Amino acid sequence: MAGVTKVNGIGHTADTQYSIAQLKSMEVDCLVDISGKGGLGSTIEAVVQALQPLMYKAPGSAGKIMMIVDGHASDAASLQAKLRALGTVDSIVLTSATVTETDLDDFSAA
C-alpha cells in the first residue's frame, strides 16, 4: 500500500483562535457605562443595528460589547467609522468610541 503525505492545510496549534467561516471577533468600546442603555431605541440597540453582528454580548458597565461579525464583509476600521457616525445616542456620545479586532481569549469586560 502506498503512503500519502499531507503537504498543505492550515494545521492546528494549541491556544490559537481559528475561523473556518471567515468570522472575526470584535470589541466595541463605547468608553462609558452603557449597562442601562439596552432598551428599545437606546445605545446598545443602535450600535447593534449599525454594526450588524452575527452574535453579540454587552456584559456589564464597562461600556464594551463583544461581537462576532462576518469577517469577509467587515473589518475594525469600517465598523469603527459606522459606530462613530452614530454621534450621540440616548445621551451616549459615540464619536470617540473604538472597535478592535480581538482574540476571544483577550476580550475583557472590565
PDB file of N, CA and C in Angstrom:
ATOM      1  N   MET A   1       0.841  -1.165   0.000  1.00  0.00           N
ATOM      2  CA  MET A   1       0.000   0.000   0.000  1.00  0.00           C
ATOM      3  C   MET A   1       0.898   1.244   0.000  1.00  0.00           C
ATOM      4  N   ALA A   2       0.574   2.190  -0.856  1.00  0.00           N
ATOM      5  CA  ALA A   2       1.364   3.418  -0.972  1.00  0.00           C
ATOM      6  C   ALA A   2       1.020   4.359   0.168  1.00  0.00           C
ATOM      7  N   GLY A   3       2.017   5.056   0.660  1.00  0.00           N
ATOM      8  CA  GLY A   3       1.790   6.030   1.719  1.00  0.00           C
ATOM      9  C   GLY A   3       1.463   7.393   1.127  1.00  0.00           C
ATOM     10  N   VAL A   4       0.718   8.189   1.873  1.00  0.00           N
ATOM     11  CA  VAL A   4       0.344   9.525   1.433  1.00  0.00           C
ATOM     12  C   VAL A   4       0.816  10.516   2.492  1.00  0.00           C
ATOM     13  N   THR A   5       1.472  11.561   2.046  1.00  0.00           N
ATOM     14  CA  THR A   5       1.926  12.608   2.954  1.00  0.00           C
ATOM     15  C   THR A   5       1.148  13.879   2.668  1.00  0.00           C
ATOM     16  N   LYS A   6       0.510  14.407   3.675  1.00  0.00           N
ATOM     17  CA  LYS A   6      -0.233  15.659   3.532  1.00  0.00           C
ATOM     18  C   LYS A   6       0.774  16.807   3.501  1.00  0.00           C
ATOM     19  N   VAL A   7       0.669  17.665   2.485  1.00  0.00           N
ATOM     20  CA  VAL A   7       1.642  18.742   2.317  1.00  0.00           C
ATOM     21  C   VAL A   7       1.012  20.134   2.380  1.00  0.00           C
ATOM     22  N   ASN A   8      -0.288  20.212   2.544  1.00  0.00           N
ATOM     23  CA  ASN A   8      -0.909  21.530   2.644  1.00  0.00           C
ATOM     24  C   ASN A   8      -2.040  21.486   3.667  1.00  0.00           C
ATOM     25  N   GLY A   9      -2.550  22.618   4.019  1.00  0.00           N
ATOM     26  CA  GLY A   9      -3.603  22.738   5.029  1.00  0.00           C
ATOM     27  C   GLY A   9      -3.250  23.856   5.986  1.00  0.00           C
ATOM     28  N   ILE A  10      -4.100  24.053   6.976  1.00  0.00           N
ATOM     29  CA  ILE A  10      -3.849  25.142   7.915  1.00  0.00           C
ATOM     30  C   ILE A  10      -3.101  24.691   9.156  1.00  0.00           C
ATOM     31  N   GLY A  11      -3.129  23.412   9.444  1.00  0.00           N
ATOM     32  CA  GLY A  11      -2.505  22.955  10.676  1.00  0.00           C
ATOM     33  C   GLY A  11      -3.299  23.434  11.876  1.00  0.00           C
ATOM     34  N   HIS A  12      -2.948  22.993  13.018  1.00  0.00           N
ATOM     35  CA  HIS A  12      -3.653  23.408  14.234  1.00  0.00           C
ATOM     36  C   HIS A  12      -2.641  23.543  15.348  1.00  0.00           C
ATOM     37  N   THR A  13      -2.677  24.667  16.028  1.00  0.00           N
ATOM     38  CA  THR A  13      -1.775  24.937  17.135  1.00  0.00           C
ATOM     39  C   THR A  13      -2.614  25.187  18.374  1.00  0.00           C
ATOM     40  N   ALA A  14      -2.222  24.594  19.467  1.00  0.00           N
ATOM     41  CA  ALA A  14      -2.953  24.793  20.714  1.00  0.00           C
ATOM     42  C   ALA A  14      -3.007  26.272  21.075  1.00  0.00           C
ATOM     43  N   ASP A  15      -4.118  26.679  21.654  1.00  0.00           N
ATOM     44  CA  ASP A  15      -4.323  28.034  22.159  1.00  0.00           C
ATOM     45  C   ASP A  15      -4.255  29.099  21.070  1.00  0.00           C
ATOM     46  N   THR A  16      -4.662  28.746  19.846  1.00  0.00           N
ATOM     47  CA  THR A  16      -4.709  29.683  18.733  1.00  0.00           C
ATOM     48  C   THR A  16      -6.144  29.739  18.217  1.00  0.00           C
ATOM     49  N   GLN A  17      -6.659  30.935  18.002  1.00  0.00           N
ATOM     50  CA  GLN A  17      -8.024  31.085  17.506  1.00  0.00           C
ATOM     51  C   GLN A  17      -8.043  30.930  15.992  1.00  0.00           C
ATOM     52  N   TYR A  18      -8.926  30.084  15.493  1.00  0.00           N
ATOM     53  CA  TYR A  18      -9.107  29.882  14.061  1.00  0.00           C
ATOM     54  C   TYR A  18     -10.544  30.204  13.691  1.00  0.00           C
ATOM     55  N   SER A  19     -10.749  30.688  12.491  1.00  0.00           N
ATOM     56  CA  SER A  19     -12.089  30.893  11.965  1.00  0.00           C
ATOM     57  C   SER A  19     -12.201  30.143  10.650  1.00  0.00           C
ATOM     58  N   ILE A  20     -13.095  29.217  10.618  1.00  0.00           N
ATOM     59  CA  ILE A  20     -13.295  28.415   9.416  1.00  0.00           C
ATOM     60  C   ILE A  20     -14.313  29.083   8.489  1.00  0.00           C
ATOM     61  N   ALA A  21     -15.118  29.972   9.014  1.00  0.00           N
ATOM     62  CA  ALA A  21     -16.188  30.603   8.252  1.00  0.00           C
ATOM     63  C   ALA A  21     -15.971  32.109   8.076  1.00  0.00           C
ATOM     64  N   GLN A  22     -14.752  32.565   8.063  1.00  0.00           N
ATOM     65  CA  GLN A  22     -14.413  33.981   7.911  1.00  0.00           C
ATOM     66  C   GLN A  22     -15.109  34.848   8.957  1.00  0.00           C
ATOM     67  N   LEU A  23     -15.133  34.370  10.194  1.00  0.00           N
ATOM     68  CA  LEU A  23     -15.693  35.142  11.288  1.00  0.00           C
ATOM     69  C   LEU A  23     -14.569  35.882  11.999  1.00  0.00           C
ATOM     70  N   LYS A  24     -14.906  37.046  12.542  1.00  0.00           N
ATOM     71  CA  LYS A  24     -13.946  37.818  13.333  1.00  0.00           C
ATOM     72  C   LYS A  24     -14.623  38.212  14.646  1.00  0.00           C
ATOM     73  N   SER A  25     -13.847  38.265  15.703  1.00  0.00           N
ATOM     74  CA  SER A  25     -14.381  38.770  16.967  1.00  0.00           C
ATOM     75  C   SER A  25     -13.915  40.218  17.131  1.00  0.00           C
ATOM     76  N   MET A  26     -14.840  41.062  17.530  1.00  0.00           N
ATOM     77  CA  MET A  26     -14.575  42.485  17.679  1.00  0.00           C
ATOM     78  C   MET A  26     -14.964  42.941  19.078  1.00  0.00           C
ATOM     79  N   GLU A  27     -14.185  43.876  19.591  1.00  0.00           N
ATOM     80  CA  GLU A  27     -14.505  44.504  20.862  1.00  0.00           C
ATOM     81  C   GLU A  27     -14.876  45.946  20.587  1.00  0.00           C
ATOM     82  N   VAL A  28     -16.108  46.287  20.892  1.00  0.00           N
ATOM     83  CA  VAL A  28     -16.597  47.660  20.767  1.00  0.00           C
ATOM     84  C   VAL A  28     -16.451  48.294  22.146  1.00  0.00           C
ATOM     85  N   ASP A  29     -15.819  49.445  22.215  1.00  0.00           N
ATOM     86  CA  ASP A  29     -15.677  50.149  23.483  1.00  0.00           C
ATOM     87  C   ASP A  29     -16.323  51.517  23.355  1.00  0.00           C
ATOM     88  N   CYS A  30     -17.458  51.685  24.011  1.00  0.00           N
ATOM     89  CA  CYS A  30     -18.183  52.957  23.969  1.00  0.00           C
ATOM     90  C   CYS A  30     -17.588  53.978  24.927  1.00  0.00           C
ATOM     91  N   LEU A  31     -16.631  53.556  25.734  1.00  0.00           N
ATOM     92  CA  LEU A  31     -15.846  54.400  26.633  1.00  0.00           C
ATOM     93  C   LEU A  31     -16.590  54.901  27.863  1.00  0.00           C
ATOM     94  N   VAL A  32     -17.872  54.591  27.989  1.00  0.00           N
ATOM     95  CA  VAL A  32     -18.656  54.955  29.170  1.00  0.00           C
ATOM     96  C   VAL A  32     -19.619  53.818  29.502  1.00  0.00           C
ATOM     97  N   ASP A  33     -20.173  53.858  30.684  1.00  0.00           N
ATOM     98  CA  ASP A  33     -21.127  52.850  31.138  1.00  0.00           C
ATOM     99  C   ASP A  33     -22.363  52.838  30.234  1.00  0.00           C
ATOM    100  N   ILE A  34     -22.650  51.692  29.628  1.00  0.00           N
ATOM    101  CA  ILE A  34     -23.853  51.542  28.802  1.00  0.00           C
ATOM    102  C   ILE A  34     -24.785  50.465  29.365  1.00  0.00           C
ATOM    103  N   SER A  35     -24.555  50.049  30.605  1.00  0.00           N
ATOM    104  CA  SER A  35     -25.342  48.950  31.173  1.00  0.00           C
ATOM    105  C   SER A  35     -26.831  49.265  31.247  1.00  0.00           C
ATOM    106  N   GLY A  36     -27.204  50.517  31.374  1.00  0.00           N
ATOM    107  CA  GLY A  36     -28.616  50.890  31.420  1.00  0.00           C
ATOM    108  C   GLY A  36     -29.143  51.362  30.078  1.00  0.00           C
ATOM    109  N   LYS A  37     -28.410  51.097  29.017  1.00  0.00           N
ATOM    110  CA  LYS A  37     -28.765  51.621  27.690  1.00  0.00           C
ATOM    111  C   LYS A  37     -29.139  50.503  26.718  1.00  0.00           C
ATOM    112  N   GLY A  38     -29.907  49.521  27.201  1.00  0.00           N
ATOM    113  CA  GLY A  38     -30.247  48.378  26.356  1.00  0.00           C
ATOM    114  C   GLY A  38     -31.674  48.337  25.875  1.00  0.00           C
ATOM    115  N   GLY A  39     -32.461  49.340  26.161  1.00  0.00           N
ATOM    116  CA  GLY A  39     -33.860  49.333  25.764  1.00  0.00           C
ATOM    117  C   GLY A  39     -34.071  49.680  24.297  1.00  0.00           C
ATOM    118  N   LEU A  40     -35.323  49.610  23.882  1.00  0.00           N
ATOM    119  CA  LEU A  40     -35.670  49.972  22.510  1.00  0.00           C
ATOM    120  C   LEU A  40     -35.264  51.415  22.233  1.00  0.00           C
ATOM    121  N   GLY A  41     -34.586  51.614  21.112  1.00  0.00           N
ATOM    122  CA  GLY A  41     -34.152  52.948  20.729  1.00  0.00           C
ATOM    123  C   GLY A  41     -32.965  53.470  21.506  1.00  0.00           C
ATOM    124  N   SER A  42     -32.360  52.635  22.329  1.00  0.00           N
ATOM    125  CA  SER A  42     -31.247  53.083  23.138  1.00  0.00           C
ATOM    126  C   SER A  42     -29.910  52.730  22.490  1.00  0.00           C
ATOM    127  N   THR A  43     -28.834  52.977  23.212  1.00  0.00           N
ATOM    128  CA  THR A  43     -27.484  52.907  22.665  1.00  0.00           C
ATOM    129  C   THR A  43     -27.098  51.521  22.157  1.00  0.00           C
ATOM    130  N   ILE A  44     -27.292  50.496  22.979  1.00  0.00           N
ATOM    131  CA  ILE A  44     -26.873  49.154  22.561  1.00  0.00           C
ATOM    132  C   ILE A  44     -27.625  48.731  21.304  1.00  0.00           C
ATOM    133  N   GLU A  45     -28.928  48.996  21.259  1.00  0.00           N
ATOM    134  CA  GLU A  45     -29.707  48.652  20.069  1.00  0.00           C
ATOM    135  C   GLU A  45     -29.190  49.399  18.836  1.00  0.00           C
ATOM    136  N   ALA A  46     -28.882  50.681  18.976  1.00  0.00           N
ATOM    137  CA  ALA A  46     -28.383  51.470  17.841  1.00  0.00           C
ATOM    138  C   ALA A  46     -27.045  50.932  17.343  1.00  0.00           C
ATOM    139  N   VAL A  47     -26.149  50.582  18.269  1.00  0.00           N
ATOM    140  CA  VAL A  47     -24.838  50.036  17.892  1.00  0.00           C
ATOM    141  C   VAL A  47     -25.019  48.710  17.153  1.00  0.00           C
ATOM    142  N   VAL A  48     -25.858  47.844  17.684  1.00  0.00           N
ATOM    143  CA  VAL A  48     -26.073  46.530  17.064  1.00  0.00           C
ATOM    144  C   VAL A  48     -26.707  46.683  15.682  1.00  0.00           C
ATOM    145  N   GLN A  49     -27.672  47.570  15.547  1.00  0.00           N
ATOM    146  CA  GLN A  49     -28.292  47.778  14.236  1.00  0.00           C
ATOM    147  C   GLN A  49     -27.288  48.328  13.228  1.00  0.00           C
ATOM    148  N   ALA A  50     -26.414  49.210  13.661  1.00  0.00           N
ATOM    149  CA  ALA A  50     -25.443  49.813  12.749  1.00  0.00           C
ATOM    150  C   ALA A  50     -24.347  48.824  12.342  1.00  0.00           C
ATOM    151  N   LEU A  51     -23.871  48.007  13.289  1.00  0.00           N
ATOM    152  CA  LEU A  51     -22.723  47.133  13.014  1.00  0.00           C
ATOM    153  C   LEU A  51     -23.122  45.727  12.577  1.00  0.00           C
ATOM    154  N   GLN A  52     -24.351  45.343  12.764  1.00  0.00           N
ATOM    155  CA  GLN A  52     -24.926  44.082  12.294  1.00  0.00           C
ATOM    156  C   GLN A  52     -24.075  42.846  12.628  1.00  0.00           C
ATOM    157  N   PRO A  53     -23.812  42.610  13.912  1.00  0.00           N
ATOM    158  CA  PRO A  53     -23.058  41.415  14.269  1.00  0.00           C
ATOM    159  C   PRO A  53     -23.897  40.156  14.079  1.00  0.00           C
ATOM    160  N   LEU A  54     -23.216  39.034  13.957  1.00  0.00           N
ATOM    161  CA  LEU A  54     -23.896  37.743  13.907  1.00  0.00           C
ATOM    162  C   LEU A  54     -24.266  37.298  15.318  1.00  0.00           C
ATOM    163  N   MET A  55     -23.479  37.753  16.284  1.00  0.00           N
ATOM    164  CA  MET A  55     -23.694  37.446  17.693  1.00  0.00           C
ATOM    165  C   MET A  55     -23.038  38.553  18.506  1.00  0.00           C
ATOM    166  N   TYR A  56     -23.628  38.890  19.652  1.00  0.00           N
ATOM    167  CA  TYR A  56     -23.021  39.924  20.485  1.00  0.00           C
ATOM    168  C   TYR A  56     -23.397  39.721  21.944  1.00  0.00           C
ATOM    169  N   LYS A  57     -22.619  40.356  22.820  1.00  0.00           N
ATOM    170  CA  LYS A  57     -22.917  40.369  24.246  1.00  0.00           C
ATOM    171  C   LYS A  57     -22.382  41.668  24.831  1.00  0.00           C
ATOM    172  N   ALA A  58     -23.237  42.360  25.575  1.00  0.00           N
ATOM    173  CA  ALA A  58     -22.844  43.569  26.288  1.00  0.00           C
ATOM    174  C   ALA A  58     -22.821  43.194  27.769  1.00  0.00           C
ATOM    175  N   PRO A  59     -21.659  42.797  28.295  1.00  0.00           N
ATOM    176  CA  PRO A  59     -21.606  42.124  29.584  1.00  0.00           C
ATOM    177  C   PRO A  59     -21.698  42.970  30.847  1.00  0.00           C
ATOM    178  N   GLY A  60     -21.573  44.258  30.793  1.00  0.00           N
ATOM    179  CA  GLY A  60     -21.591  44.991  32.050  1.00  0.00           C
ATOM    180  C   GLY A  60     -21.460  46.483  31.892  1.00  0.00           C
ATOM    181  N   SER A  61     -20.943  47.115  32.906  1.00  0.00           N
ATOM    182  CA  SER A  61     -20.925  48.570  32.955  1.00  0.00           C
ATOM    183  C   SER A  61     -19.680  49.204  32.350  1.00  0.00           C
ATOM    184  N   ALA A  62     -18.758  48.424  31.835  1.00  0.00           N
ATOM    185  CA  ALA A  62     -17.506  48.985  31.316  1.00  0.00           C
ATOM    186  C   ALA A  62     -17.668  49.637  29.946  1.00  0.00           C
ATOM    187  N   GLY A  63     -18.824  49.558  29.334  1.00  0.00           N
ATOM    188  CA  GLY A  63     -19.043  50.203  28.043  1.00  0.00           C
ATOM    189  C   GLY A  63     -18.654  49.362  26.856  1.00  0.00           C
ATOM    190  N   LYS A  64     -18.394  48.071  27.078  1.00  0.00           N
ATOM    191  CA  LYS A  64     -17.914  47.217  25.998  1.00  0.00           C
ATOM    192  C   LYS A  64     -18.997  46.259  25.501  1.00  0.00           C
ATOM    193  N   ILE A  65     -18.906  45.979  24.205  1.00  0.00           N
ATOM    194  CA  ILE A  65     -19.768  44.990  23.569  1.00  0.00           C
ATOM    195  C   ILE A  65     -18.860  44.058  22.793  1.00  0.00           C
ATOM    196  N   MET A  66     -18.974  42.777  23.045  1.00  0.00           N
ATOM    197  CA  MET A  66     -18.206  41.773  22.299  1.00  0.00           C
ATOM    198  C   MET A  66     -19.074  41.304  21.145  1.00  0.00           C
ATOM    199  N   MET A  67     -18.514  41.263  19.937  1.00  0.00           N
ATOM    200  CA  MET A  67     -19.276  40.891  18.749  1.00  0.00           C
ATOM    201  C   MET A  67     -18.540  39.859  17.917  1.00  0.00           C
ATOM    202  N   ILE A  68     -19.308  38.984  17.296  1.00  0.00           N
ATOM    203  CA  ILE A  68     -18.809  38.114  16.248  1.00  0.00           C
ATOM    204  C   ILE A  68     -19.421  38.658  14.959  1.00  0.00           C
ATOM    205  N   VAL A  69     -18.578  38.964  13.978  1.00  0.00           N
ATOM    206  CA  VAL A  69     -19.048  39.571  12.734  1.00  0.00           C
ATOM    207  C   VAL A  69     -18.596  38.744  11.535  1.00  0.00           C
ATOM    208  N   ASP A  70     -19.202  39.020  10.405  1.00  0.00           N
ATOM    209  CA  ASP A  70     -18.788  38.421   9.142  1.00  0.00           C
ATOM    210  C   ASP A  70     -17.464  39.065   8.746  1.00  0.00           C
ATOM    211  N   GLY A  71     -16.379  38.313   8.865  1.00  0.00           N
ATOM    212  CA  GLY A  71     -15.058  38.847   8.594  1.00  0.00           C
ATOM    213  C   GLY A  71     -14.786  39.116   7.135  1.00  0.00           C
ATOM    214  N   HIS A  72     -15.608  38.569   6.247  1.00  0.00           N
ATOM    215  CA  HIS A  72     -15.442  38.833   4.820  1.00  0.00           C
ATOM    216  C   HIS A  72     -15.927  40.244   4.490  1.00  0.00           C
ATOM    217  N   ALA A  73     -16.982  40.672   5.173  1.00  0.00           N
ATOM    218  CA  ALA A  73     -17.608  41.955   4.858  1.00  0.00           C
ATOM    219  C   ALA A  73     -17.219  43.078   5.811  1.00  0.00           C
ATOM    220  N   SER A  74     -16.573  42.761   6.932  1.00  0.00           N
ATOM    221  CA  SER A  74     -16.316  43.769   7.958  1.00  0.00           C
ATOM    222  C   SER A  74     -14.882  43.730   8.449  1.00  0.00           C
ATOM    223  N   ASP A  75     -14.372  44.899   8.784  1.00  0.00           N
ATOM    224  CA  ASP A  75     -13.102  44.986   9.492  1.00  0.00           C
ATOM    225  C   ASP A  75     -13.258  46.052  10.576  1.00  0.00           C
ATOM    226  N   ALA A  76     -12.306  46.111  11.483  1.00  0.00           N
ATOM    227  CA  ALA A  76     -12.415  47.015  12.624  1.00  0.00           C
ATOM    228  C   ALA A  76     -12.548  48.476  12.183  1.00  0.00           C
ATOM    229  N   ALA A  77     -11.791  48.881  11.185  1.00  0.00           N
ATOM    230  CA  ALA A  77     -11.823  50.282  10.746  1.00  0.00           C
ATOM    231  C   ALA A  77     -13.188  50.678  10.193  1.00  0.00           C
ATOM    232  N   SER A  78     -13.789  49.829   9.366  1.00  0.00           N
ATOM    233  CA  SER A  78     -15.095  50.179   8.792  1.00  0.00           C
ATOM    234  C   SER A  78     -16.184  50.165   9.861  1.00  0.00           C
ATOM    235  N   LEU A  79     -16.100  49.225  10.803  1.00  0.00           N
ATOM    236  CA  LEU A  79     -17.085  49.184  11.882  1.00  0.00           C
ATOM    237  C   LEU A  79     -16.939  50.400  12.797  1.00  0.00           C
ATOM    238  N   GLN A  80     -15.714  50.808  13.068  1.00  0.00           N
ATOM    239  CA  GLN A  80     -15.485  51.985  13.910  1.00  0.00           C
ATOM    240  C   GLN A  80     -16.037  53.239  13.243  1.00  0.00           C
ATOM    241  N   ALA A  81     -15.863  53.355  11.945  1.00  0.00           N
ATOM    242  CA  ALA A  81     -16.407  54.522  11.229  1.00  0.00           C
ATOM    243  C   ALA A  81     -17.935  54.550  11.336  1.00  0.00           C
ATOM    244  N   LYS A  82     -18.580  53.403  11.189  1.00  0.00           N
ATOM    245  CA  LYS A  82     -20.045  53.331  11.327  1.00  0.00           C
ATOM    246  C   LYS A  82     -20.471  53.678  12.748  1.00  0.00           C
ATOM    247  N   LEU A  83     -19.729  53.168  13.722  1.00  0.00           N
ATOM    248  CA  LEU A  83     -20.044  53.426  15.128  1.00  0.00           C
ATOM    249  C   LEU A  83     -19.951  54.908  15.446  1.00  0.00           C
ATOM    250  N   ARG A  84     -18.868  55.531  15.049  1.00  0.00           N
ATOM    251  CA  ARG A  84     -18.668  56.952  15.343  1.00  0.00           C
ATOM    252  C   ARG A  84     -19.668  57.838  14.607  1.00  0.00           C
ATOM    253  N   ALA A  85     -20.116  57.392  13.432  1.00  0.00           N
ATOM    254  CA  ALA A  85     -21.092  58.164  12.660  1.00  0.00           C
ATOM    255  C   ALA A  85     -22.457  58.238  13.351  1.00  0.00           C
ATOM    256  N   LEU A  86     -22.693  57.362  14.319  1.00  0.00           N
ATOM    257  CA  LEU A  86     -23.953  57.418  15.063  1.00  0.00           C
ATOM    258  C   LEU A  86     -24.061  58.689  15.894  1.00  0.00           C
ATOM    259  N   GLY A  87     -22.913  59.289  16.222  1.00  0.00           N
ATOM    260  CA  GLY A  87     -22.919  60.523  17.008  1.00  0.00           C
ATOM    261  C   GLY A  87     -23.314  60.265  18.448  1.00  0.00           C
ATOM    262  N   THR A  88     -24.384  60.891  18.897  1.00  0.00           N
ATOM    263  CA  THR A  88     -24.881  60.716  20.261  1.00  0.00           C
ATOM    264  C   THR A  88     -26.207  59.971  20.212  1.00  0.00           C
ATOM    265  N   VAL A  89     -26.276  58.877  20.983  1.00  0.00           N
ATOM    266  CA  VAL A  89     -27.499  58.077  21.047  1.00  0.00           C
ATOM    267  C   VAL A  89     -27.873  57.923  22.515  1.00  0.00           C
ATOM    268  N   ASP A  90     -29.065  58.382  22.876  1.00  0.00           N
ATOM    269  CA  ASP A  90     -29.575  58.262  24.240  1.00  0.00           C
ATOM    270  C   ASP A  90     -28.555  58.786  25.256  1.00  0.00           C
ATOM    271  N   SER A  91     -28.025  59.934  24.996  1.00  0.00           N
ATOM    272  CA  SER A  91     -27.056  60.677  25.814  1.00  0.00           C
ATOM    273  C   SER A  91     -25.657  60.053  25.863  1.00  0.00           C
ATOM    274  N   ILE A  92     -25.401  59.021  25.063  1.00  0.00           N
ATOM    275  CA  ILE A  92     -24.070  58.412  24.996  1.00  0.00           C
ATOM    276  C   ILE A  92     -23.379  58.918  23.731  1.00  0.00           C
ATOM    277  N   VAL A  93     -22.262  59.613  23.903  1.00  0.00           N
ATOM    278  CA  VAL A  93     -21.502  60.166  22.776  1.00  0.00           C
ATOM    279  C   VAL A  93     -20.577  59.074  22.240  1.00  0.00           C
ATOM    280  N   LEU A  94     -20.762  58.696  20.978  1.00  0.00           N
ATOM    281  CA  LEU A  94     -20.004  57.607  20.366  1.00  0.00           C
ATOM    282  C   LEU A  94     -18.939  58.090  19.383  1.00  0.00           C
ATOM    283  N   THR A  95     -18.720  59.379  19.300  1.00  0.00           N
ATOM    284  CA  THR A  95     -17.792  59.924  18.309  1.00  0.00           C
ATOM    285  C   THR A  95     -16.326  59.562  18.564  1.00  0.00           C
ATOM    286  N   SER A  96     -16.006  59.079  19.759  1.00  0.00           N
ATOM    287  CA  SER A  96     -14.639  58.628  20.061  1.00  0.00           C
ATOM    288  C   SER A  96     -14.585  57.134  20.375  1.00  0.00           C
ATOM    289  N   ALA A  97     -15.709  56.454  20.254  1.00  0.00           N
ATOM    290  CA  ALA A  97     -15.769  55.022  20.564  1.00  0.00           C
ATOM    291  C   ALA A  97     -14.842  54.248  19.628  1.00  0.00           C
ATOM    292  N   THR A  98     -14.403  53.078  20.083  1.00  0.00           N
ATOM    293  CA  THR A  98     -13.443  52.299  19.302  1.00  0.00           C
ATOM    294  C   THR A  98     -13.956  50.898  19.009  1.00  0.00           C
ATOM    295  N   VAL A  99     -13.433  50.321  17.927  1.00  0.00           N
ATOM    296  CA  VAL A  99     -13.670  48.922  17.578  1.00  0.00           C
ATOM    297  C   VAL A  99     -12.309  48.296  17.329  1.00  0.00           C
ATOM    298  N   THR A 100     -12.047  47.175  17.989  1.00  0.00           N
ATOM    299  CA  THR A 100     -10.769  46.490  17.869  1.00  0.00           C
ATOM    300  C   THR A 100     -11.009  45.022  17.587  1.00  0.00           C
ATOM    301  N   GLU A 101     -10.313  44.484  16.585  1.00  0.00           N
ATOM    302  CA  GLU A 101     -10.399  43.053  16.364  1.00  0.00           C
ATOM    303  C   GLU A 101      -9.605  42.371  17.477  1.00  0.00           C
ATOM    304  N   THR A 102     -10.180  41.355  18.072  1.00  0.00           N
ATOM    305  CA  THR A 102      -9.540  40.728  19.215  1.00  0.00           C
ATOM    306  C   THR A 102      -9.732  39.226  19.199  1.00  0.00           C
ATOM    307  N   ASP A 103      -8.831  38.534  19.819  1.00  0.00           N
ATOM    308  CA  ASP A 103      -8.970  37.112  20.046  1.00  0.00           C
ATOM    309  C   ASP A 103     -10.006  36.934  21.152  1.00  0.00           C
ATOM    310  N   LEU A 104     -10.832  35.929  21.075  1.00  0.00           N
ATOM    311  CA  LEU A 104     -11.854  35.720  22.099  1.00  0.00           C
ATOM    312  C   LEU A 104     -11.253  35.614  23.498  1.00  0.00           C
ATOM    313  N   ASP A 105     -10.073  35.039  23.608  1.00  0.00           N
ATOM    314  CA  ASP A 105      -9.416  34.893  24.909  1.00  0.00           C
ATOM    315  C   ASP A 105      -8.981  36.237  25.483  1.00  0.00           C
ATOM    316  N   ASP A 106      -8.804  37.242  24.635  1.00  0.00           N
ATOM    317  CA  ASP A 106      -8.313  38.544  25.081  1.00  0.00           C
ATOM    318  C   ASP A 106      -9.436  39.491  25.447  1.00  0.00           C
ATOM    319  N   PHE A 107     -10.692  39.130  25.164  1.00  0.00           N
ATOM    320  CA  PHE A 107     -11.793  40.023  25.456  1.00  0.00           C
ATOM    321  C   PHE A 107     -11.936  40.203  26.958  1.00  0.00           C
ATOM    322  N   SER A 108     -12.046  41.445  27.379  1.00  0.00           N
ATOM    323  CA  SER A 108     -12.208  41.742  28.797  1.00  0.00           C
ATOM    324  C   SER A 108     -13.386  42.663  28.952  1.00  0.00           C
ATOM    325  N   ALA A 109     -14.318  42.296  29.812  1.00  0.00           N
ATOM    326  CA  ALA A 109     -15.481  43.138  30.064  1.00  0.00           C
ATOM    327  C   ALA A 109     -15.159  44.251  31.053  1.00  0.00           C
ATOM    328  N   ALA A 110     -13.939  44.286  31.539  1.00  0.00           N
ATOM    329  CA  ALA A 110     -13.562  45.311  32.534  1.00  0.00           C
ATOM    330  C   ALA A 110     -13.121  46.597  31.861  1.00  0.00           C
TER     331      ALA A 110
END
